[in-house]
Structure formats: structure tokens, C-alpha cells
Amino acid sequence: MDSPARIPGQPALDQPLTDSEYARLTTILDHFRSEDAMNVEEMDGFFAALICGPVTVPPSVYLKEIWGRNEAPLISLL
């Protein structure tokens, strides 16, 4: 199977997170932890369940679950 075309400047979607990316994700999720956001371990299991499920769930539904509220927080990812 061929890899999907890669957009310059965007991460490869078929590769695991680097240590730096994992640390950044953990920091972002930990910042919102008191607001019912998932931690990185919960999010890992959540995505595994979404991938294995018979129905494709749109981001407009699952992002609410990850952040623990109706919309994603405004954050700087840089």
C-alpha cells in the first residue's frame, strides 16, 4: 500500500509522535486537565476505540469529548 501524499511542513500521519511532539501534546492536555479534558493516556485509548469502531465519528463530535467541553480551547500550538 502506498503512503498518502505528504504536505510539506505537515507531520507524516503514518508515523508515531516524536518525543518532542508527545511532550507538547501532554503539556497542552495537562493545562486543561482541571476542566475535564482527557489526559494523553485517555486520549490514546479513545482514539483506539474510534479507529476500531464500525462508524466514522466526525471531529465535531469527538473533539468535544477530548476537551471536556463543547468547543476546543483557544491555545497556541507553537
C-alpha atoms as a PDB file:
ATOM      1  CA  MET A   1       0.000   0.000   0.000  1.00  0.00           C
ATOM      2  CA  ASP A   2       1.328   3.422  -0.935  1.00  0.00           C
ATOM      3  CA  SER A   3       1.766   6.112   1.695  1.00  0.00           C
ATOM      4  CA  PRO A   4      -0.546   9.094   1.351  1.00  0.00           C
ATOM      5  CA  ALA A   5       0.918  12.187  -0.289  1.00  0.00           C
ATOM      6  CA  ARG A   6       2.675  14.320   2.283  1.00  0.00           C
ATOM      7  CA  ILE A   7       2.093  18.061   2.512  1.00  0.00           C
ATOM      8  CA  PRO A   8       5.362  19.970   3.003  1.00  0.00           C
ATOM      9  CA  GLY A   9       5.631  21.320   6.551  1.00  0.00           C
ATOM     10  CA  GLN A  10       2.999  18.924   7.887  1.00  0.00           C
ATOM     11  CA  PRO A  11       3.819  15.866  10.026  1.00  0.00           C
ATOM     12  CA  ALA A  12       3.600  12.400   8.498  1.00  0.00           C
ATOM     13  CA  LEU A  13       0.324  10.862   9.609  1.00  0.00           C
ATOM     14  CA  ASP A  14       1.613   7.304   9.381  1.00  0.00           C
ATOM     15  CA  GLN A  15       4.459   7.872  11.862  1.00  0.00           C
ATOM     16  CA  PRO A  16       4.358   7.852  15.677  1.00  0.00           C
ATOM     17  CA  LEU A  17       4.769  11.122  17.557  1.00  0.00           C
ATOM     18  CA  THR A  18       8.309  12.194  18.298  1.00  0.00           C
ATOM     19  CA  ASP A  19       9.300  12.676  21.940  1.00  0.00           C
ATOM     20  CA  SER A  20       9.007  16.433  21.443  1.00  0.00           C
ATOM     21  CA  GLU A  21       5.512  16.164  19.918  1.00  0.00           C
ATOM     22  CA  TYR A  22       4.397  13.807  22.681  1.00  0.00           C
ATOM     23  CA  ALA A  23       5.683  16.225  25.340  1.00  0.00           C
ATOM     24  CA  ARG A  24       3.891  19.149  23.663  1.00  0.00           C
ATOM     25  CA  LEU A  25       0.613  17.210  23.496  1.00  0.00           C
ATOM     26  CA  THR A  26       0.938  16.179  27.144  1.00  0.00           C
ATOM     27  CA  THR A  27       1.577  19.790  28.185  1.00  0.00           C
ATOM     28  CA  ILE A  28      -1.448  21.053  26.257  1.00  0.00           C
ATOM     29  CA  LEU A  29      -3.769  18.392  27.673  1.00  0.00           C
ATOM     30  CA  ASP A  30      -2.414  18.842  31.216  1.00  0.00           C
ATOM     31  CA  HIS A  31      -3.104  22.571  31.001  1.00  0.00           C
ATOM     32  CA  PHE A  32      -6.840  21.813  30.643  1.00  0.00           C
ATOM     33  CA  ARG A  33      -6.934  18.800  32.963  1.00  0.00           C
ATOM     34  CA  SER A  34      -8.967  20.576  35.647  1.00  0.00           C
ATOM     35  CA  GLU A  35     -11.657  21.238  33.031  1.00  0.00           C
ATOM     36  CA  ASP A  36     -12.457  17.546  32.361  1.00  0.00           C
ATOM     37  CA  ALA A  37     -10.122  17.259  29.371  1.00  0.00           C
ATOM     38  CA  MET A  38      -8.625  13.859  28.701  1.00  0.00           C
ATOM     39  CA  ASN A  39      -5.009  13.155  29.573  1.00  0.00           C
ATOM     40  CA  VAL A  40      -2.764  11.696  26.894  1.00  0.00           C
ATOM     41  CA  GLU A  41      -3.327   8.090  28.026  1.00  0.00           C
ATOM     42  CA  GLU A  42      -7.117   8.515  27.949  1.00  0.00           C
ATOM     43  CA  MET A  43      -6.899  10.133  24.527  1.00  0.00           C
ATOM     44  CA  ASP A  44      -4.778   7.240  23.236  1.00  0.00           C
ATOM     45  CA  GLY A  45      -7.416   4.710  24.279  1.00  0.00           C
ATOM     46  CA  PHE A  46     -10.200   6.939  22.989  1.00  0.00           C
ATOM     47  CA  PHE A  47      -8.621   7.144  19.520  1.00  0.00           C
ATOM     48  CA  ALA A  48      -8.027   3.385  19.525  1.00  0.00           C
ATOM     49  CA  ALA A  49     -11.746   2.882  20.171  1.00  0.00           C
ATOM     50  CA  LEU A  50     -12.693   5.386  17.443  1.00  0.00           C
ATOM     51  CA  ILE A  51     -10.443   3.635  14.920  1.00  0.00           C
ATOM     52  CA  CYS A  52     -11.825   0.183  15.768  1.00  0.00           C
ATOM     53  CA  GLY A  53     -15.456   1.249  15.715  1.00  0.00           C
ATOM     54  CA  PRO A  54     -17.795   0.500  12.827  1.00  0.00           C
ATOM     55  CA  VAL A  55     -18.839   4.148  12.384  1.00  0.00           C
ATOM     56  CA  THR A  56     -16.675   7.106  11.405  1.00  0.00           C
ATOM     57  CA  VAL A  57     -17.083   9.757  14.086  1.00  0.00           C
ATOM     58  CA  PRO A  58     -16.521  13.340  12.890  1.00  0.00           C
ATOM     59  CA  PRO A  59     -14.109  15.638  14.740  1.00  0.00           C
ATOM     60  CA  SER A  60     -17.034  17.918  15.620  1.00  0.00           C
ATOM     61  CA  VAL A  61     -18.227  15.113  17.899  1.00  0.00           C
ATOM     62  CA  TYR A  62     -15.034  13.592  19.286  1.00  0.00           C
ATOM     63  CA  LEU A  63     -13.158  16.840  19.967  1.00  0.00           C
ATOM     64  CA  LYS A  64     -15.853  17.784  22.486  1.00  0.00           C
ATOM     65  CA  GLU A  65     -15.067  14.584  24.348  1.00  0.00           C
ATOM     66  CA  ILE A  66     -11.304  15.157  24.327  1.00  0.00           C
ATOM     67  CA  TRP A  67     -11.533  18.734  25.608  1.00  0.00           C
ATOM     68  CA  GLY A  68     -14.402  18.010  28.009  1.00  0.00           C
ATOM     69  CA  ARG A  69     -16.494  20.862  26.637  1.00  0.00           C
ATOM     70  CA  ASN A  70     -18.419  21.948  23.555  1.00  0.00           C
ATOM     71  CA  GLU A  71     -15.563  23.651  21.728  1.00  0.00           C
ATOM     72  CA  ALA A  72     -11.812  23.387  21.551  1.00  0.00           C
ATOM     73  CA  PRO A  73      -9.987  25.897  23.734  1.00  0.00           C
ATOM     74  CA  LEU A  74      -8.063  28.670  22.088  1.00  0.00           C
ATOM     75  CA  ILE A  75      -4.437  27.677  22.522  1.00  0.00           C
ATOM     76  CA  SER A  76      -1.148  28.387  20.868  1.00  0.00           C
ATOM     77  CA  LEU A  77       0.384  25.224  19.446  1.00  0.00           C
ATOM     78  CA  LEU A  78       3.701  26.889  18.696  1.00  0.00           C
END
